Amino acid sequence: MSLKKTDDQWRAQLSPEQYRITREKGTEPAFSGQYWDCHDRGVFRCICCDAPLFDSSGKYDSGCGWPSFTEPAGDIIEAPDTSHGMVRTEVICGQCGAHLGHLFPDGPAPGGLRYCINSASLKLEPSE
């Protein structure tokens, strides 16, 4: 990770909800985020550092209530997450360490992966 800021700097930059999700590993309620039902074309970037993370061409409707992608388009880190009595794979921005969401092995073919990402951790840069 190349971008590091203090908690005060992150709090000044992000909304309380964005901070809770990206810096404290929170989760937004299903079907509540800005991008869960978004069909616009473009690149989804990290809300914290603007790094490109996912392309809209890999976004699909998984029915889970969060934006879902078949593969990353940028630098992400996958890490074990054993919180809440579950074993999952956390998805983290490789540039700033922001919590993005989780990775599940129940996505569509051919890769079979579902990157389940919080809308609050993303911002869409529309294609022109």
N, C-alpha and C. Protein backbone atom coordinates (compact mmCIF):
# COMPACT_ATOMS: atom_id res chain seq x y z
N MET A 1 0.84 -1.18 0.00
CA MET A 1 0.00 0.00 0.00
C MET A 1 0.89 1.24 0.00
N SER A 2 0.61 2.12 -0.91
CA SER A 2 1.47 3.29 -1.04
C SER A 2 0.87 4.55 -0.42
N LEU A 3 -0.43 4.59 -0.17
CA LEU A 3 -1.07 5.79 0.38
C LEU A 3 -1.47 5.54 1.82
N LYS A 4 -0.93 6.35 2.72
CA LYS A 4 -1.27 6.22 4.14
C LYS A 4 -1.66 7.60 4.66
N LYS A 5 -2.74 7.64 5.43
CA LYS A 5 -3.21 8.87 6.06
C LYS A 5 -3.59 8.54 7.49
N THR A 6 -3.67 9.58 8.31
CA THR A 6 -4.13 9.40 9.68
C THR A 6 -5.64 9.26 9.68
N ASP A 7 -6.18 8.75 10.79
CA ASP A 7 -7.64 8.65 10.92
C ASP A 7 -8.30 10.02 10.77
N ASP A 8 -7.69 11.04 11.32
CA ASP A 8 -8.25 12.39 11.20
C ASP A 8 -8.29 12.85 9.74
N GLN A 9 -7.26 12.53 8.99
CA GLN A 9 -7.25 12.89 7.56
C GLN A 9 -8.33 12.14 6.80
N TRP A 10 -8.51 10.84 7.09
CA TRP A 10 -9.56 10.07 6.43
C TRP A 10 -10.93 10.62 6.80
N ARG A 11 -11.14 10.93 8.08
CA ARG A 11 -12.43 11.46 8.53
C ARG A 11 -12.76 12.79 7.85
N ALA A 12 -11.76 13.61 7.61
CA ALA A 12 -11.97 14.90 6.95
C ALA A 12 -12.33 14.72 5.47
N GLN A 13 -11.84 13.65 4.86
CA GLN A 13 -12.05 13.41 3.42
C GLN A 13 -13.35 12.68 3.13
N LEU A 14 -13.75 11.76 4.01
CA LEU A 14 -14.86 10.85 3.74
C LEU A 14 -16.10 11.23 4.54
N SER A 15 -17.26 10.82 4.02
CA SER A 15 -18.49 10.95 4.82
C SER A 15 -18.41 9.96 5.98
N PRO A 16 -19.22 10.14 7.02
CA PRO A 16 -19.20 9.17 8.13
C PRO A 16 -19.46 7.74 7.66
N GLU A 17 -20.37 7.55 6.73
CA GLU A 17 -20.68 6.20 6.21
C GLU A 17 -19.49 5.65 5.42
N GLN A 18 -18.88 6.45 4.57
CA GLN A 18 -17.71 6.00 3.81
C GLN A 18 -16.57 5.62 4.75
N TYR A 19 -16.37 6.42 5.78
CA TYR A 19 -15.31 6.13 6.75
C TYR A 19 -15.61 4.81 7.47
N ARG A 20 -16.84 4.63 7.95
CA ARG A 20 -17.22 3.42 8.66
C ARG A 20 -16.96 2.17 7.82
N ILE A 21 -17.31 2.25 6.55
CA ILE A 21 -17.16 1.08 5.67
C ILE A 21 -15.71 0.86 5.26
N THR A 22 -15.04 1.90 4.77
CA THR A 22 -13.70 1.71 4.21
C THR A 22 -12.59 1.63 5.25
N ARG A 23 -12.72 2.35 6.35
CA ARG A 23 -11.64 2.39 7.33
C ARG A 23 -11.91 1.50 8.54
N GLU A 24 -13.21 1.21 8.81
CA GLU A 24 -13.56 0.37 9.96
C GLU A 24 -14.14 -0.98 9.55
N LYS A 25 -14.07 -1.31 8.26
CA LYS A 25 -14.51 -2.60 7.72
C LYS A 25 -16.00 -2.85 7.93
N GLY A 26 -16.78 -1.81 7.70
CA GLY A 26 -18.22 -1.93 7.83
C GLY A 26 -18.87 -2.47 6.57
N THR A 27 -20.19 -2.59 6.63
CA THR A 27 -20.98 -3.05 5.49
C THR A 27 -22.25 -2.23 5.43
N GLU A 28 -22.62 -1.81 4.23
CA GLU A 28 -23.88 -1.11 4.06
C GLU A 28 -25.01 -2.13 3.96
N PRO A 29 -26.24 -1.77 4.32
CA PRO A 29 -27.36 -2.70 4.18
C PRO A 29 -27.56 -3.10 2.71
N ALA A 30 -27.96 -4.34 2.50
CA ALA A 30 -28.25 -4.82 1.14
C ALA A 30 -29.31 -3.95 0.48
N PHE A 31 -29.19 -3.76 -0.81
CA PHE A 31 -30.13 -3.01 -1.65
C PHE A 31 -30.23 -1.53 -1.26
N SER A 32 -29.22 -1.00 -0.58
CA SER A 32 -29.27 0.40 -0.15
C SER A 32 -28.24 1.28 -0.82
N GLY A 33 -27.19 0.71 -1.36
CA GLY A 33 -26.09 1.50 -1.90
C GLY A 33 -26.39 2.10 -3.26
N GLN A 34 -25.65 3.12 -3.59
CA GLN A 34 -25.81 3.87 -4.83
C GLN A 34 -25.63 3.02 -6.09
N TYR A 35 -24.78 1.99 -6.04
CA TYR A 35 -24.41 1.28 -7.26
C TYR A 35 -24.96 -0.14 -7.37
N TRP A 36 -25.72 -0.63 -6.42
CA TRP A 36 -26.16 -2.03 -6.50
C TRP A 36 -27.00 -2.30 -7.75
N ASP A 37 -27.78 -1.31 -8.19
CA ASP A 37 -28.62 -1.48 -9.38
C ASP A 37 -28.19 -0.55 -10.51
N CYS A 38 -26.94 -0.13 -10.49
CA CYS A 38 -26.41 0.80 -11.50
C CYS A 38 -25.98 0.03 -12.74
N HIS A 39 -26.41 0.52 -13.89
CA HIS A 39 -26.05 -0.13 -15.16
C HIS A 39 -25.23 0.80 -16.05
N ASP A 40 -24.73 1.90 -15.49
CA ASP A 40 -23.91 2.84 -16.25
C ASP A 40 -22.55 2.23 -16.56
N ARG A 41 -21.97 2.67 -17.66
CA ARG A 41 -20.66 2.18 -18.09
C ARG A 41 -19.56 3.07 -17.55
N GLY A 42 -18.44 2.45 -17.21
CA GLY A 42 -17.29 3.21 -16.74
C GLY A 42 -16.40 2.39 -15.84
N VAL A 43 -15.57 3.09 -15.10
CA VAL A 43 -14.62 2.48 -14.18
C VAL A 43 -15.02 2.84 -12.76
N PHE A 44 -15.11 1.83 -11.91
CA PHE A 44 -15.39 2.05 -10.51
C PHE A 44 -14.06 2.22 -9.78
N ARG A 45 -13.91 3.39 -9.15
CA ARG A 45 -12.66 3.76 -8.48
C ARG A 45 -12.83 3.75 -6.96
N CYS A 46 -11.73 3.65 -6.26
CA CYS A 46 -11.74 3.69 -4.80
C CYS A 46 -12.15 5.08 -4.32
N ILE A 47 -13.11 5.14 -3.42
CA ILE A 47 -13.58 6.42 -2.89
C ILE A 47 -12.49 7.11 -2.08
N CYS A 48 -11.55 6.35 -1.56
CA CYS A 48 -10.49 6.92 -0.72
C CYS A 48 -9.31 7.48 -1.51
N CYS A 49 -8.86 6.74 -2.52
CA CYS A 49 -7.61 7.14 -3.21
C CYS A 49 -7.74 7.28 -4.72
N ASP A 50 -8.93 7.02 -5.27
CA ASP A 50 -9.19 7.16 -6.71
C ASP A 50 -8.55 6.07 -7.58
N ALA A 51 -8.02 5.03 -6.97
CA ALA A 51 -7.42 3.95 -7.76
C ALA A 51 -8.52 3.22 -8.54
N PRO A 52 -8.26 2.85 -9.80
CA PRO A 52 -9.25 2.06 -10.55
C PRO A 52 -9.33 0.65 -9.97
N LEU A 53 -10.56 0.19 -9.71
CA LEU A 53 -10.73 -1.10 -9.07
C LEU A 53 -11.50 -2.11 -9.91
N PHE A 54 -12.63 -1.68 -10.49
CA PHE A 54 -13.49 -2.59 -11.25
C PHE A 54 -14.02 -1.86 -12.48
N ASP A 55 -14.18 -2.60 -13.57
CA ASP A 55 -14.76 -2.06 -14.78
C ASP A 55 -16.22 -2.49 -14.87
N SER A 56 -17.06 -1.62 -15.38
CA SER A 56 -18.49 -1.94 -15.48
C SER A 56 -18.75 -3.15 -16.36
N SER A 57 -17.83 -3.48 -17.28
CA SER A 57 -18.03 -4.66 -18.14
C SER A 57 -18.03 -5.96 -17.33
N GLY A 58 -17.46 -5.93 -16.12
CA GLY A 58 -17.45 -7.11 -15.26
C GLY A 58 -18.51 -7.08 -14.18
N LYS A 59 -19.40 -6.07 -14.21
CA LYS A 59 -20.45 -5.95 -13.20
C LYS A 59 -21.66 -6.75 -13.65
N TYR A 60 -22.30 -7.42 -12.71
CA TYR A 60 -23.49 -8.20 -13.05
C TYR A 60 -24.44 -8.19 -11.85
N ASP A 61 -25.68 -8.56 -12.09
CA ASP A 61 -26.70 -8.60 -11.04
C ASP A 61 -26.68 -9.98 -10.41
N SER A 62 -26.10 -10.06 -9.21
CA SER A 62 -26.02 -11.34 -8.51
C SER A 62 -27.24 -11.59 -7.64
N GLY A 63 -28.07 -10.56 -7.46
CA GLY A 63 -29.24 -10.68 -6.61
C GLY A 63 -28.95 -10.51 -5.12
N CYS A 64 -27.71 -10.18 -4.77
CA CYS A 64 -27.32 -10.10 -3.36
C CYS A 64 -27.57 -8.73 -2.74
N GLY A 65 -27.79 -7.69 -3.56
CA GLY A 65 -28.05 -6.36 -3.03
C GLY A 65 -26.85 -5.45 -2.95
N TRP A 66 -25.70 -5.93 -3.39
CA TRP A 66 -24.49 -5.12 -3.46
C TRP A 66 -23.94 -5.20 -4.88
N PRO A 67 -23.18 -4.19 -5.31
CA PRO A 67 -22.54 -4.31 -6.62
C PRO A 67 -21.65 -5.56 -6.66
N SER A 68 -21.79 -6.33 -7.72
CA SER A 68 -21.02 -7.56 -7.86
C SER A 68 -20.25 -7.53 -9.17
N PHE A 69 -19.01 -7.98 -9.10
CA PHE A 69 -18.11 -7.98 -10.25
C PHE A 69 -17.48 -9.36 -10.40
N THR A 70 -17.16 -9.73 -11.64
CA THR A 70 -16.55 -11.04 -11.90
C THR A 70 -15.04 -11.03 -11.71
N GLU A 71 -14.42 -9.84 -11.80
CA GLU A 71 -12.97 -9.75 -11.66
C GLU A 71 -12.58 -8.30 -11.38
N PRO A 72 -11.43 -8.11 -10.74
CA PRO A 72 -10.95 -6.75 -10.52
C PRO A 72 -10.32 -6.19 -11.79
N ALA A 73 -10.26 -4.87 -11.87
CA ALA A 73 -9.60 -4.21 -12.99
C ALA A 73 -8.42 -3.40 -12.48
N GLY A 74 -8.09 -3.57 -11.22
CA GLY A 74 -7.01 -2.80 -10.62
C GLY A 74 -6.36 -3.56 -9.49
N ASP A 75 -5.58 -2.85 -8.72
CA ASP A 75 -4.77 -3.42 -7.65
C ASP A 75 -5.61 -3.64 -6.40
N ILE A 76 -5.93 -4.89 -6.14
CA ILE A 76 -6.64 -5.24 -4.91
C ILE A 76 -5.85 -6.29 -4.14
N ILE A 77 -6.16 -6.39 -2.86
CA ILE A 77 -5.55 -7.39 -1.99
C ILE A 77 -6.68 -8.28 -1.49
N GLU A 78 -6.45 -9.56 -1.44
CA GLU A 78 -7.40 -10.51 -0.86
C GLU A 78 -6.80 -11.02 0.44
N ALA A 79 -7.59 -10.95 1.52
CA ALA A 79 -7.09 -11.34 2.83
C ALA A 79 -8.14 -12.16 3.57
N PRO A 80 -7.71 -13.12 4.39
CA PRO A 80 -8.68 -13.90 5.18
C PRO A 80 -9.43 -12.99 6.16
N ASP A 81 -10.71 -13.26 6.33
CA ASP A 81 -11.56 -12.51 7.27
C ASP A 81 -12.37 -13.53 8.06
N THR A 82 -12.10 -13.63 9.36
CA THR A 82 -12.82 -14.58 10.20
C THR A 82 -13.76 -13.87 11.18
N SER A 83 -14.10 -12.62 10.88
CA SER A 83 -15.00 -11.87 11.75
C SER A 83 -16.43 -12.41 11.65
N HIS A 84 -17.22 -12.10 12.63
CA HIS A 84 -18.65 -12.45 12.66
C HIS A 84 -18.90 -13.96 12.58
N GLY A 85 -17.93 -14.76 13.04
CA GLY A 85 -18.11 -16.21 13.07
C GLY A 85 -18.12 -16.87 11.70
N MET A 86 -17.60 -16.18 10.69
CA MET A 86 -17.58 -16.71 9.32
C MET A 86 -16.14 -16.74 8.81
N VAL A 87 -15.91 -17.53 7.80
CA VAL A 87 -14.64 -17.52 7.09
C VAL A 87 -14.92 -16.98 5.70
N ARG A 88 -14.37 -15.79 5.43
CA ARG A 88 -14.57 -15.14 4.13
C ARG A 88 -13.24 -14.59 3.64
N THR A 89 -13.25 -14.08 2.41
CA THR A 89 -12.09 -13.42 1.86
C THR A 89 -12.43 -11.94 1.71
N GLU A 90 -11.70 -11.10 2.43
CA GLU A 90 -11.90 -9.65 2.35
C GLU A 90 -11.22 -9.11 1.11
N VAL A 91 -11.84 -8.12 0.48
CA VAL A 91 -11.27 -7.43 -0.68
C VAL A 91 -10.87 -6.03 -0.21
N ILE A 92 -9.59 -5.68 -0.44
CA ILE A 92 -9.00 -4.45 0.06
C ILE A 92 -8.34 -3.71 -1.10
N CYS A 93 -8.44 -2.38 -1.10
CA CYS A 93 -7.74 -1.58 -2.11
C CYS A 93 -6.23 -1.73 -1.90
N GLY A 94 -5.52 -2.08 -2.95
CA GLY A 94 -4.08 -2.26 -2.87
C GLY A 94 -3.30 -0.98 -2.73
N GLN A 95 -3.93 0.16 -3.01
CA GLN A 95 -3.24 1.45 -2.92
C GLN A 95 -3.34 2.09 -1.54
N CYS A 96 -4.52 1.99 -0.90
CA CYS A 96 -4.73 2.71 0.36
C CYS A 96 -5.21 1.84 1.50
N GLY A 97 -5.49 0.57 1.26
CA GLY A 97 -5.93 -0.32 2.32
C GLY A 97 -7.40 -0.22 2.68
N ALA A 98 -8.20 0.44 1.86
CA ALA A 98 -9.63 0.58 2.14
C ALA A 98 -10.32 -0.78 2.05
N HIS A 99 -11.21 -1.03 3.02
CA HIS A 99 -12.06 -2.21 2.94
C HIS A 99 -13.09 -1.96 1.84
N LEU A 100 -13.20 -2.89 0.90
CA LEU A 100 -14.12 -2.76 -0.22
C LEU A 100 -15.33 -3.68 -0.08
N GLY A 101 -15.10 -4.89 0.37
CA GLY A 101 -16.16 -5.89 0.46
C GLY A 101 -15.55 -7.26 0.62
N HIS A 102 -16.20 -8.26 0.00
CA HIS A 102 -15.73 -9.65 0.13
C HIS A 102 -15.80 -10.38 -1.21
N LEU A 103 -15.04 -11.44 -1.29
CA LEU A 103 -14.96 -12.28 -2.48
C LEU A 103 -15.58 -13.63 -2.15
N PHE A 104 -16.47 -14.09 -3.04
CA PHE A 104 -17.14 -15.38 -2.84
C PHE A 104 -16.98 -16.25 -4.09
N PRO A 105 -16.93 -17.57 -3.92
CA PRO A 105 -16.73 -18.48 -5.05
C PRO A 105 -18.05 -18.92 -5.69
N ASP A 106 -19.04 -18.03 -5.74
CA ASP A 106 -20.35 -18.40 -6.31
C ASP A 106 -20.76 -17.51 -7.49
N GLY A 107 -19.76 -17.00 -8.19
CA GLY A 107 -20.03 -16.13 -9.33
C GLY A 107 -20.27 -16.92 -10.61
N PRO A 108 -20.54 -16.21 -11.69
CA PRO A 108 -20.82 -16.87 -12.97
C PRO A 108 -19.56 -17.45 -13.63
N ALA A 109 -19.77 -18.35 -14.55
CA ALA A 109 -18.67 -18.91 -15.35
C ALA A 109 -18.13 -17.79 -16.24
N PRO A 110 -16.90 -17.84 -16.67
CA PRO A 110 -15.98 -18.96 -16.49
C PRO A 110 -15.20 -18.90 -15.17
N GLY A 111 -15.05 -17.74 -14.56
CA GLY A 111 -14.20 -17.65 -13.37
C GLY A 111 -14.83 -18.11 -12.08
N GLY A 112 -16.16 -18.00 -11.99
CA GLY A 112 -16.86 -18.46 -10.81
C GLY A 112 -16.69 -17.59 -9.57
N LEU A 113 -16.21 -16.35 -9.75
CA LEU A 113 -15.99 -15.47 -8.61
C LEU A 113 -17.01 -14.34 -8.57
N ARG A 114 -17.33 -13.93 -7.33
CA ARG A 114 -18.22 -12.78 -7.12
C ARG A 114 -17.53 -11.83 -6.14
N TYR A 115 -17.09 -10.71 -6.67
CA TYR A 115 -16.55 -9.64 -5.84
C TYR A 115 -17.74 -8.81 -5.39
N CYS A 116 -18.13 -8.96 -4.14
CA CYS A 116 -19.30 -8.31 -3.56
C CYS A 116 -18.79 -7.05 -2.85
N ILE A 117 -19.08 -5.89 -3.42
CA ILE A 117 -18.42 -4.65 -3.02
C ILE A 117 -19.43 -3.63 -2.51
N ASN A 118 -19.08 -2.93 -1.44
CA ASN A 118 -19.93 -1.87 -0.91
C ASN A 118 -19.93 -0.66 -1.83
N SER A 119 -21.11 -0.14 -2.16
CA SER A 119 -21.20 1.07 -2.98
C SER A 119 -20.44 2.23 -2.35
N ALA A 120 -20.48 2.33 -1.02
CA ALA A 120 -19.86 3.46 -0.32
C ALA A 120 -18.34 3.47 -0.47
N SER A 121 -17.75 2.37 -0.92
CA SER A 121 -16.30 2.33 -1.11
C SER A 121 -15.91 2.69 -2.55
N LEU A 122 -16.91 2.96 -3.38
CA LEU A 122 -16.66 3.20 -4.81
C LEU A 122 -17.15 4.56 -5.27
N LYS A 123 -16.58 5.00 -6.38
CA LYS A 123 -17.16 6.11 -7.15
C LYS A 123 -17.00 5.74 -8.63
N LEU A 124 -18.04 6.00 -9.38
CA LEU A 124 -18.04 5.63 -10.81
C LEU A 124 -17.52 6.78 -11.65
N GLU A 125 -16.53 6.45 -12.47
CA GLU A 125 -16.04 7.39 -13.49
C GLU A 125 -16.68 6.93 -14.79
N PRO A 126 -17.72 7.64 -15.25
CA PRO A 126 -18.45 7.19 -16.45
C PRO A 126 -17.57 7.18 -17.71
N SER A 127 -17.88 6.24 -18.60
CA SER A 127 -17.23 6.22 -19.91
C SER A 127 -17.81 7.34 -20.75
N GLU A 128 -16.98 7.84 -21.62
CA GLU A 128 -17.45 8.93 -22.51
C GLU A 128 -17.91 8.40 -23.84
